[in-house]
Amino acid sequence: MPEENLTRDLGTALSIDFTERFGQRFKTLYELLGIERRLPMPAGTIIKTYTSSVTLDGTEVEPGAVIPLSEVVLEDGPTQELTWNKKRKAVPMEDIQKFGFSRAITLTDTKFINEIQKGIRTKLLDQLATGTGEATGEGLQEVMANAWAAVTAKFDEDDVQVISFINPFDAADYLGKANITTQSAFGMTYIQDFLNNRVVFMHGDIPKGTIYSTAVDNLVIAYATMNGGEVNKAFDFTTDPTGLIGVTHDINKQRLTAETVTAYGIVLFAERIDGVVVGTIANGGVEG
């Protein structure tokens, strides 16, 4: 029937639009962060974090003598499980009549995407708050400098790129006096190449007077792939090329609603908890 074909074709088009929009937003985020490690894993995988310490033996070794061992200690940190996140929303017939079918779905899909990215962002910020590194300073610039130094000292590499997350109010006075351009990605405002950081993100969920800093190489994306496999075979999800998220649109005739159903398993996390520095502005977040 023409009506059924119209619903199926338009539903597929809307699903493609949804996955492309979410995929592009997430791609923008991990490219800004410089994340290289994006690891597809089966749902149910336990993701481990850890802390590490190295004790170098300082003995001066005589020619031909046995070289003493230096000690490298790895200790397990908190774990996370890569689980499926399943979401569904429905647009009633009344809203479809009011706004039109495609517009009603697109408007609510946009809010749906915002909520999904909020969940991913919140989990990352919650984990960063448990970082064991510390830094303090009298104002934003000083604490950012001390956090940068603490991160670079923790990652003994030639070129450590630092990223930070701060509260917008902590940056307000500083930004008001500087000619700096801000942009937005994944629901956060950001500044590139700011105070020795590759990128600094600003969001209200970060406590005022607190800064989270870590190295780019410390961040990892784990995800359960949605394209291919038995799950996609069973439910006919539309996915983006990366397989980060699966989406399907359908009509529920019993309720006279147009539904959007998504499934995804994504965790953005810091692998080394001791490589996350929690900075504290000593005067409570007012730039001095």
C-alpha atoms as a PDB file:
ATOM      1  CA  MET A   1       0.000   0.000   0.000  1.00  0.00           C
ATOM      2  CA  PRO A   2       1.285   3.545  -0.722  1.00  0.00           C
ATOM      3  CA  GLU A   3       0.645   4.632   2.882  1.00  0.00           C
ATOM      4  CA  GLU A   4       2.839   1.858   4.274  1.00  0.00           C
ATOM      5  CA  ASN A   5       5.634   2.593   1.814  1.00  0.00           C
ATOM      6  CA  LEU A   6       5.501   6.296   2.699  1.00  0.00           C
ATOM      7  CA  THR A   7       5.819   5.526   6.423  1.00  0.00           C
ATOM      8  CA  ARG A   8       8.695   3.115   5.926  1.00  0.00           C
ATOM      9  CA  ASP A   9      10.679   5.340   3.566  1.00  0.00           C
ATOM     10  CA  LEU A  10      10.210   8.492   5.629  1.00  0.00           C
ATOM     11  CA  GLY A  11      11.001   6.582   8.819  1.00  0.00           C
ATOM     12  CA  THR A  12      14.269   5.375   7.318  1.00  0.00           C
ATOM     13  CA  ALA A  13      15.146   8.900   6.190  1.00  0.00           C
ATOM     14  CA  LEU A  14      14.478  10.260   9.682  1.00  0.00           C
ATOM     15  CA  SER A  15      16.604   7.493  11.234  1.00  0.00           C
ATOM     16  CA  ILE A  16      19.480   8.298   8.877  1.00  0.00           C
ATOM     17  CA  ASP A  17      19.195  11.974   9.807  1.00  0.00           C
ATOM     18  CA  PHE A  18      19.208  11.095  13.537  1.00  0.00           C
ATOM     19  CA  THR A  19      22.282   8.871  13.385  1.00  0.00           C
ATOM     20  CA  GLU A  20      24.191  11.287  11.167  1.00  0.00           C
ATOM     21  CA  ARG A  21      23.488  14.220  13.473  1.00  0.00           C
ATOM     22  CA  PHE A  22      24.490  12.324  16.606  1.00  0.00           C
ATOM     23  CA  GLY A  23      27.519  10.780  14.913  1.00  0.00           C
ATOM     24  CA  GLN A  24      28.736  14.168  13.699  1.00  0.00           C
ATOM     25  CA  ARG A  25      28.343  15.733  17.132  1.00  0.00           C
ATOM     26  CA  PHE A  26      30.258  12.914  18.785  1.00  0.00           C
ATOM     27  CA  LYS A  27      32.940  13.000  16.091  1.00  0.00           C
ATOM     28  CA  THR A  28      33.400  16.722  16.680  1.00  0.00           C
ATOM     29  CA  LEU A  29      33.868  16.030  20.394  1.00  0.00           C
ATOM     30  CA  TYR A  30      36.483  13.313  20.085  1.00  0.00           C
ATOM     31  CA  GLU A  31      38.366  15.203  17.386  1.00  0.00           C
ATOM     32  CA  LEU A  32      38.517  18.267  19.648  1.00  0.00           C
ATOM     33  CA  LEU A  33      39.736  16.081  22.490  1.00  0.00           C
ATOM     34  CA  GLY A  34      42.251  14.405  20.191  1.00  0.00           C
ATOM     35  CA  ILE A  35      41.132  10.928  21.245  1.00  0.00           C
ATOM     36  CA  GLU A  36      42.845   8.212  19.226  1.00  0.00           C
ATOM     37  CA  ARG A  37      41.654   5.151  21.118  1.00  0.00           C
ATOM     38  CA  ARG A  38      38.102   4.274  20.121  1.00  0.00           C
ATOM     39  CA  LEU A  39      37.507   0.679  21.106  1.00  0.00           C
ATOM     40  CA  PRO A  40      34.543  -1.425  19.932  1.00  0.00           C
ATOM     41  CA  MET A  41      33.644  -3.959  22.637  1.00  0.00           C
ATOM     42  CA  PRO A  42      30.814  -6.392  23.341  1.00  0.00           C
ATOM     43  CA  ALA A  43      28.123  -5.044  25.638  1.00  0.00           C
ATOM     44  CA  GLY A  44      28.716  -6.366  29.141  1.00  0.00           C
ATOM     45  CA  THR A  45      32.480  -5.810  29.003  1.00  0.00           C
ATOM     46  CA  ILE A  46      33.942  -4.564  32.286  1.00  0.00           C
ATOM     47  CA  ILE A  47      36.036  -1.465  31.670  1.00  0.00           C
ATOM     48  CA  LYS A  48      38.944  -1.145  34.060  1.00  0.00           C
ATOM     49  CA  THR A  49      40.734   1.981  35.197  1.00  0.00           C
ATOM     50  CA  TYR A  50      43.952   2.060  37.171  1.00  0.00           C
ATOM     51  CA  THR A  51      46.624   4.064  38.924  1.00  0.00           C
ATOM     52  CA  SER A  52      50.332   3.497  38.431  1.00  0.00           C
ATOM     53  CA  SER A  53      53.634   4.280  40.083  1.00  0.00           C
ATOM     54  CA  VAL A  54      57.252   3.649  39.071  1.00  0.00           C
ATOM     55  CA  THR A  55      60.169   3.278  41.463  1.00  0.00           C
ATOM     56  CA  LEU A  56      63.491   3.388  39.647  1.00  0.00           C
ATOM     57  CA  ASP A  57      66.450   1.580  41.204  1.00  0.00           C
ATOM     58  CA  GLY A  58      69.208   4.120  41.613  1.00  0.00           C
ATOM     59  CA  THR A  59      72.083   1.656  41.885  1.00  0.00           C
ATOM     60  CA  GLU A  60      75.100   2.418  39.720  1.00  0.00           C
ATOM     61  CA  VAL A  61      75.672  -0.833  37.836  1.00  0.00           C
ATOM     62  CA  GLU A  62      79.230  -2.111  37.473  1.00  0.00           C
ATOM     63  CA  PRO A  63      80.303  -3.513  34.079  1.00  0.00           C
ATOM     64  CA  GLY A  64      78.950  -7.049  33.654  1.00  0.00           C
ATOM     65  CA  ALA A  65      76.860  -6.905  36.844  1.00  0.00           C
ATOM     66  CA  VAL A  66      73.184  -7.842  36.990  1.00  0.00           C
ATOM     67  CA  ILE A  67      70.987  -4.809  36.469  1.00  0.00           C
ATOM     68  CA  PRO A  68      68.580  -4.482  39.411  1.00  0.00           C
ATOM     69  CA  LEU A  69      64.859  -4.304  38.709  1.00  0.00           C
ATOM     70  CA  SER A  70      62.910  -1.090  38.894  1.00  0.00           C
ATOM     71  CA  GLU A  71      59.373  -1.480  40.239  1.00  0.00           C
ATOM     72  CA  VAL A  72      56.255  -0.627  38.302  1.00  0.00           C
ATOM     73  CA  VAL A  73      53.050  -0.915  40.287  1.00  0.00           C
ATOM     74  CA  LEU A  74      49.593  -0.931  38.711  1.00  0.00           C
ATOM     75  CA  GLU A  75      46.591  -0.771  41.016  1.00  0.00           C
ATOM     76  CA  ASP A  76      43.016  -1.256  39.897  1.00  0.00           C
ATOM     77  CA  GLY A  77      40.712   1.750  40.014  1.00  0.00           C
ATOM     78  CA  PRO A  78      36.918   1.871  39.784  1.00  0.00           C
ATOM     79  CA  THR A  79      35.372  -0.199  36.994  1.00  0.00           C
ATOM     80  CA  GLN A  80      32.506   0.523  34.634  1.00  0.00           C
ATOM     81  CA  GLU A  81      30.365  -1.898  32.657  1.00  0.00           C
ATOM     82  CA  LEU A  82      29.642  -1.224  29.008  1.00  0.00           C
ATOM     83  CA  THR A  83      25.879  -1.638  28.983  1.00  0.00           C
ATOM     84  CA  TRP A  84      23.153  -1.002  26.451  1.00  0.00           C
ATOM     85  CA  ASN A  85      21.280   2.271  26.864  1.00  0.00           C
ATOM     86  CA  LYS A  86      17.817   1.929  25.384  1.00  0.00           C
ATOM     87  CA  LYS A  87      15.607   4.984  24.897  1.00  0.00           C
ATOM     88  CA  ARG A  88      12.168   5.495  23.369  1.00  0.00           C
ATOM     89  CA  LYS A  89       9.991   8.537  22.812  1.00  0.00           C
ATOM     90  CA  ALA A  90       6.641   8.974  21.112  1.00  0.00           C
ATOM     91  CA  VAL A  91       5.004  11.895  19.321  1.00  0.00           C
ATOM     92  CA  PRO A  92       1.183  11.865  19.538  1.00  0.00           C
ATOM     93  CA  MET A  93      -1.162  12.356  16.614  1.00  0.00           C
ATOM     94  CA  GLU A  94      -2.145  15.783  17.948  1.00  0.00           C
ATOM     95  CA  ASP A  95       1.415  17.136  17.638  1.00  0.00           C
ATOM     96  CA  ILE A  96       1.830  15.565  14.220  1.00  0.00           C
ATOM     97  CA  GLN A  97      -1.285  17.428  13.072  1.00  0.00           C
ATOM     98  CA  LYS A  98      -0.082  20.671  14.659  1.00  0.00           C
ATOM     99  CA  PHE A  99       3.514  20.710  13.380  1.00  0.00           C
ATOM    100  CA  GLY A 100       3.480  18.274  10.474  1.00  0.00           C
ATOM    101  CA  PHE A 101       4.868  14.726  10.590  1.00  0.00           C
ATOM    102  CA  SER A 102       8.489  15.314   9.628  1.00  0.00           C
ATOM    103  CA  ARG A 103       8.907  18.524  11.659  1.00  0.00           C
ATOM    104  CA  ALA A 104       7.297  17.055  14.779  1.00  0.00           C
ATOM    105  CA  ILE A 105       9.661  14.073  14.688  1.00  0.00           C
ATOM    106  CA  THR A 106      12.745  16.176  13.911  1.00  0.00           C
ATOM    107  CA  LEU A 107      12.051  18.664  16.724  1.00  0.00           C
ATOM    108  CA  THR A 108      11.645  15.947  19.333  1.00  0.00           C
ATOM    109  CA  ASP A 109      14.579  13.922  17.928  1.00  0.00           C
ATOM    110  CA  THR A 110      16.816  16.954  18.500  1.00  0.00           C
ATOM    111  CA  LYS A 111      15.850  17.029  22.179  1.00  0.00           C
ATOM    112  CA  PHE A 112      16.371  13.261  22.295  1.00  0.00           C
ATOM    113  CA  ILE A 113      19.915  13.635  20.958  1.00  0.00           C
ATOM    114  CA  ASN A 114      20.607  16.357  23.538  1.00  0.00           C
ATOM    115  CA  GLU A 115      19.566  14.037  26.368  1.00  0.00           C
ATOM    116  CA  ILE A 116      21.718  11.186  25.036  1.00  0.00           C
ATOM    117  CA  GLN A 117      24.820  13.373  24.804  1.00  0.00           C
ATOM    118  CA  LYS A 118      24.053  14.768  28.273  1.00  0.00           C
ATOM    119  CA  GLY A 119      24.167  11.248  29.711  1.00  0.00           C
ATOM    120  CA  ILE A 120      27.550  10.526  28.086  1.00  0.00           C
ATOM    121  CA  ARG A 121      28.941  13.887  29.218  1.00  0.00           C
ATOM    122  CA  THR A 122      27.678  13.499  32.794  1.00  0.00           C
ATOM    123  CA  LYS A 123      29.331  10.104  33.214  1.00  0.00           C
ATOM    124  CA  LEU A 124      32.660  11.516  32.046  1.00  0.00           C
ATOM    125  CA  LEU A 125      32.485  14.531  34.371  1.00  0.00           C
ATOM    126  CA  ASP A 126      31.468  12.325  37.313  1.00  0.00           C
ATOM    127  CA  GLN A 127      34.499  10.127  36.702  1.00  0.00           C
ATOM    128  CA  LEU A 128      36.879  13.068  36.297  1.00  0.00           C
ATOM    129  CA  ALA A 129      35.716  14.321  39.695  1.00  0.00           C
ATOM    130  CA  THR A 130      37.280  11.190  41.259  1.00  0.00           C
ATOM    131  CA  GLY A 131      40.768  12.025  39.949  1.00  0.00           C
ATOM    132  CA  THR A 132      43.506  11.623  42.546  1.00  0.00           C
ATOM    133  CA  GLY A 133      45.858  14.348  41.271  1.00  0.00           C
ATOM    134  CA  GLU A 134      45.658  17.731  42.990  1.00  0.00           C
ATOM    135  CA  ALA A 135      46.468  21.330  42.140  1.00  0.00           C
ATOM    136  CA  THR A 136      45.624  24.666  43.740  1.00  0.00           C
ATOM    137  CA  GLY A 137      46.005  28.322  42.834  1.00  0.00           C
ATOM    138  CA  GLU A 138      44.807  31.792  43.792  1.00  0.00           C
ATOM    139  CA  GLY A 139      42.985  32.352  40.518  1.00  0.00           C
ATOM    140  CA  LEU A 140      42.030  30.650  37.292  1.00  0.00           C
ATOM    141  CA  GLN A 141      45.323  31.279  35.516  1.00  0.00           C
ATOM    142  CA  GLU A 142      47.440  30.050  38.429  1.00  0.00           C
ATOM    143  CA  VAL A 143      45.457  26.885  39.110  1.00  0.00           C
ATOM    144  CA  MET A 144      45.329  26.086  35.398  1.00  0.00           C
ATOM    145  CA  ALA A 145      49.106  26.429  35.222  1.00  0.00           C
ATOM    146  CA  ASN A 146      49.583  24.187  38.255  1.00  0.00           C
ATOM    147  CA  ALA A 147      47.138  21.601  36.885  1.00  0.00           C
ATOM    148  CA  TRP A 148      48.966  21.628  33.535  1.00  0.00           C
ATOM    149  CA  ALA A 149      52.269  21.055  35.345  1.00  0.00           C
ATOM    150  CA  ALA A 150      50.808  18.207  37.410  1.00  0.00           C
ATOM    151  CA  VAL A 151      49.422  16.447  34.339  1.00  0.00           C
ATOM    152  CA  THR A 152      52.596  16.785  32.293  1.00  0.00           C
ATOM    153  CA  ALA A 153      54.652  15.478  35.224  1.00  0.00           C
ATOM    154  CA  LYS A 154      52.376  12.438  35.523  1.00  0.00           C
ATOM    155  CA  PHE A 155      52.682  11.503  31.853  1.00  0.00           C
ATOM    156  CA  ASP A 156      56.383  11.305  31.154  1.00  0.00           C
ATOM    157  CA  GLU A 157      56.204  11.883  27.409  1.00  0.00           C
ATOM    158  CA  ASP A 158      57.750  14.338  24.977  1.00  0.00           C
ATOM    159  CA  ASP A 159      54.548  16.119  24.006  1.00  0.00           C
ATOM    160  CA  VAL A 160      51.767  15.908  26.587  1.00  0.00           C
ATOM    161  CA  GLN A 161      48.601  17.645  25.408  1.00  0.00           C
ATOM    162  CA  VAL A 162      46.422  18.737  28.317  1.00  0.00           C
ATOM    163  CA  ILE A 163      42.656  19.255  28.275  1.00  0.00           C
ATOM    164  CA  SER A 164      40.577  20.795  31.039  1.00  0.00           C
ATOM    165  CA  PHE A 165      36.968  21.197  32.126  1.00  0.00           C
ATOM    166  CA  ILE A 166      35.880  24.268  34.122  1.00  0.00           C
ATOM    167  CA  ASN A 167      32.775  26.084  35.327  1.00  0.00           C
ATOM    168  CA  PRO A 168      31.743  29.012  33.070  1.00  0.00           C
ATOM    169  CA  PHE A 169      31.653  31.442  36.016  1.00  0.00           C
ATOM    170  CA  ASP A 170      35.301  30.717  36.774  1.00  0.00           C
ATOM    171  CA  ALA A 171      36.215  31.802  33.263  1.00  0.00           C
ATOM    172  CA  ALA A 172      33.860  34.784  32.994  1.00  0.00           C
ATOM    173  CA  ASP A 173      36.129  37.499  34.408  1.00  0.00           C
ATOM    174  CA  TYR A 174      39.176  36.213  32.569  1.00  0.00           C
ATOM    175  CA  LEU A 175      37.365  35.939  29.236  1.00  0.00           C
ATOM    176  CA  GLY A 176      35.845  39.378  29.670  1.00  0.00           C
ATOM    177  CA  LYS A 177      39.324  40.901  29.640  1.00  0.00           C
ATOM    178  CA  ALA A 178      40.727  38.793  26.801  1.00  0.00           C
ATOM    179  CA  ASN A 179      40.016  38.719  23.090  1.00  0.00           C
ATOM    180  CA  ILE A 180      39.074  35.037  22.946  1.00  0.00           C
ATOM    181  CA  THR A 181      36.538  33.265  20.745  1.00  0.00           C
ATOM    182  CA  THR A 182      34.358  30.547  22.243  1.00  0.00           C
ATOM    183  CA  GLN A 183      32.530  27.813  20.348  1.00  0.00           C
ATOM    184  CA  SER A 184      30.156  25.005  21.266  1.00  0.00           C
ATOM    185  CA  ALA A 185      30.243  21.219  20.881  1.00  0.00           C
ATOM    186  CA  PHE A 186      28.358  18.338  22.517  1.00  0.00           C
ATOM    187  CA  GLY A 187      26.454  20.723  24.789  1.00  0.00           C
ATOM    188  CA  MET A 188      29.574  22.464  26.107  1.00  0.00           C
ATOM    189  CA  THR A 189      31.269  25.761  25.338  1.00  0.00           C
ATOM    190  CA  TYR A 190      34.960  25.416  24.563  1.00  0.00           C
ATOM    191  CA  ILE A 191      38.126  27.389  23.870  1.00  0.00           C
ATOM    192  CA  GLN A 192      41.051  26.001  21.907  1.00  0.00           C
ATOM    193  CA  ASP A 193      44.709  26.651  22.747  1.00  0.00           C
ATOM    194  CA  PHE A 194      43.836  28.310  26.057  1.00  0.00           C
ATOM    195  CA  LEU A 195      46.332  28.618  28.958  1.00  0.00           C
ATOM    196  CA  ASN A 196      48.609  25.842  27.620  1.00  0.00           C
ATOM    197  CA  ASN A 197      45.641  23.497  27.067  1.00  0.00           C
ATOM    198  CA  ARG A 198      44.730  21.881  23.770  1.00  0.00           C
ATOM    199  CA  VAL A 199      41.102  22.654  24.583  1.00  0.00           C
ATOM    200  CA  VAL A 200      39.184  23.849  27.643  1.00  0.00           C
ATOM    201  CA  PHE A 201      35.516  22.942  28.010  1.00  0.00           C
ATOM    202  CA  MET A 202      33.092  24.931  30.138  1.00  0.00           C
ATOM    203  CA  HIS A 203      29.890  23.539  31.630  1.00  0.00           C
ATOM    204  CA  GLY A 204      27.654  24.333  34.576  1.00  0.00           C
ATOM    205  CA  ASP A 205      27.768  20.739  35.861  1.00  0.00           C
ATOM    206  CA  ILE A 206      31.372  21.321  36.973  1.00  0.00           C
ATOM    207  CA  PRO A 207      31.422  22.767  40.521  1.00  0.00           C
ATOM    208  CA  LYS A 208      32.403  26.430  40.711  1.00  0.00           C
ATOM    209  CA  GLY A 209      36.028  26.795  41.747  1.00  0.00           C
ATOM    210  CA  THR A 210      36.935  23.310  40.471  1.00  0.00           C
ATOM    211  CA  ILE A 211      38.917  22.320  37.395  1.00  0.00           C
ATOM    212  CA  TYR A 212      39.427  18.852  35.914  1.00  0.00           C
ATOM    213  CA  SER A 213      42.565  18.355  33.830  1.00  0.00           C
ATOM    214  CA  THR A 214      44.096  15.326  32.157  1.00  0.00           C
ATOM    215  CA  ALA A 215      46.152  14.292  29.146  1.00  0.00           C
ATOM    216  CA  VAL A 216      44.602  13.676  25.751  1.00  0.00           C
ATOM    217  CA  ASP A 217      46.145  10.199  25.667  1.00  0.00           C
ATOM    218  CA  ASN A 218      44.373   9.318  28.925  1.00  0.00           C
ATOM    219  CA  LEU A 219      40.905   9.474  27.383  1.00  0.00           C
ATOM    220  CA  VAL A 220      39.324   6.426  25.762  1.00  0.00           C
ATOM    221  CA  ILE A 221      36.013   5.760  24.029  1.00  0.00           C
ATOM    222  CA  ALA A 222      34.543   2.290  24.450  1.00  0.00           C
ATOM    223  CA  TYR A 223      31.409   1.422  22.523  1.00  0.00           C
ATOM    224  CA  ALA A 224      29.226  -1.521  21.623  1.00  0.00           C
ATOM    225  CA  THR A 225      29.005  -1.544  17.850  1.00  0.00           C
ATOM    226  CA  MET A 226      25.508  -1.405  16.417  1.00  0.00           C
ATOM    227  CA  ASN A 227      26.108  -2.069  12.721  1.00  0.00           C
ATOM    228  CA  GLY A 228      26.094  -5.709  11.702  1.00  0.00           C
ATOM    229  CA  GLY A 229      25.714  -8.603  14.106  1.00  0.00           C
ATOM    230  CA  GLU A 230      22.675 -10.308  15.556  1.00  0.00           C
ATOM    231  CA  VAL A 231      21.197  -7.230  17.261  1.00  0.00           C
ATOM    232  CA  ASN A 232      20.975  -5.216  14.069  1.00  0.00           C
ATOM    233  CA  LYS A 233      19.727  -8.294  12.211  1.00  0.00           C
ATOM    234  CA  ALA A 234      16.870  -8.685  14.672  1.00  0.00           C
ATOM    235  CA  PHE A 235      15.771  -5.063  14.985  1.00  0.00           C
ATOM    236  CA  ASP A 236      16.804  -3.490  11.671  1.00  0.00           C
ATOM    237  CA  PHE A 237      18.465  -0.447  13.217  1.00  0.00           C
ATOM    238  CA  THR A 238      19.752   2.389  11.102  1.00  0.00           C
ATOM    239  CA  THR A 239      23.326   3.252  12.109  1.00  0.00           C
ATOM    240  CA  ASP A 240      26.016   5.720  11.142  1.00  0.00           C
ATOM    241  CA  PRO A 241      29.255   4.343   9.608  1.00  0.00           C
ATOM    242  CA  THR A 242      30.909   4.010  13.044  1.00  0.00           C
ATOM    243  CA  GLY A 243      28.066   1.965  14.512  1.00  0.00           C
ATOM    244  CA  LEU A 244      27.942   4.144  17.635  1.00  0.00           C
ATOM    245  CA  ILE A 245      24.165   4.267  17.848  1.00  0.00           C
ATOM    246  CA  GLY A 246      21.197   2.447  16.363  1.00  0.00           C
ATOM    247  CA  VAL A 247      17.884   4.167  15.626  1.00  0.00           C
ATOM    248  CA  THR A 248      14.539   3.109  14.267  1.00  0.00           C
ATOM    249  CA  HIS A 249      11.328   5.046  13.670  1.00  0.00           C
ATOM    250  CA  ASP A 250       7.967   3.351  13.672  1.00  0.00           C
ATOM    251  CA  ILE A 251       4.231   3.986  13.911  1.00  0.00           C
ATOM    252  CA  ASN A 252       2.266   2.658  16.884  1.00  0.00           C
ATOM    253  CA  LYS A 253      -1.260   2.494  15.491  1.00  0.00           C
ATOM    254  CA  GLN A 254      -2.792   1.330  18.762  1.00  0.00           C
ATOM    255  CA  ARG A 255      -1.666   4.546  20.448  1.00  0.00           C
ATOM    256  CA  LEU A 256      -1.607   6.737  17.332  1.00  0.00           C
ATOM    257  CA  THR A 257       1.954   7.827  18.017  1.00  0.00           C
ATOM    258  CA  ALA A 258       5.125   8.049  15.959  1.00  0.00           C
ATOM    259  CA  GLU A 259       7.957   6.502  17.949  1.00  0.00           C
ATOM    260  CA  THR A 260      11.732   6.851  17.942  1.00  0.00           C
ATOM    261  CA  VAL A 261      13.697   3.999  19.519  1.00  0.00           C
ATOM    262  CA  THR A 262      17.451   4.152  20.081  1.00  0.00           C
ATOM    263  CA  ALA A 263      20.026   1.767  21.494  1.00  0.00           C
ATOM    264  CA  TYR A 264      23.680   2.476  22.181  1.00  0.00           C
ATOM    265  CA  GLY A 265      26.497   1.569  24.513  1.00  0.00           C
ATOM    266  CA  ILE A 266      29.067   4.353  24.814  1.00  0.00           C
ATOM    267  CA  VAL A 267      31.486   5.159  27.625  1.00  0.00           C
ATOM    268  CA  LEU A 268      33.923   8.059  27.403  1.00  0.00           C
ATOM    269  CA  PHE A 269      36.380   7.689  30.272  1.00  0.00           C
ATOM    270  CA  ALA A 270      39.841   8.422  31.663  1.00  0.00           C
ATOM    271  CA  GLU A 271      41.917   5.247  31.844  1.00  0.00           C
ATOM    272  CA  ARG A 272      44.261   6.407  34.612  1.00  0.00           C
ATOM    273  CA  ILE A 273      42.550   7.987  37.607  1.00  0.00           C
ATOM    274  CA  ASP A 274      45.880   9.253  38.953  1.00  0.00           C
ATOM    275  CA  GLY A 275      46.346  10.994  35.610  1.00  0.00           C
ATOM    276  CA  VAL A 276      43.328  13.208  36.302  1.00  0.00           C
ATOM    277  CA  VAL A 277      44.144  16.360  38.275  1.00  0.00           C
ATOM    278  CA  VAL A 278      41.365  18.052  40.238  1.00  0.00           C
ATOM    279  CA  GLY A 279      42.309  21.704  40.574  1.00  0.00           C
ATOM    280  CA  THR A 280      40.883  24.011  43.236  1.00  0.00           C
ATOM    281  CA  ILE A 281      40.755  27.786  42.985  1.00  0.00           C
ATOM    282  CA  ALA A 282      41.759  28.827  46.499  1.00  0.00           C
ATOM    283  CA  ASN A 283      39.639  31.987  46.648  1.00  0.00           C
ATOM    284  CA  GLY A 284      36.458  30.118  45.746  1.00  0.00           C
ATOM    285  CA  GLY A 285      36.440  30.736  42.026  1.00  0.00           C
ATOM    286  CA  VAL A 286      36.724  34.521  41.875  1.00  0.00           C
ATOM    287  CA  GLU A 287      39.596  35.591  39.683  1.00  0.00           C
ATOM    288  CA  GLY A 288      42.056  37.643  41.645  1.00  0.00           C
END
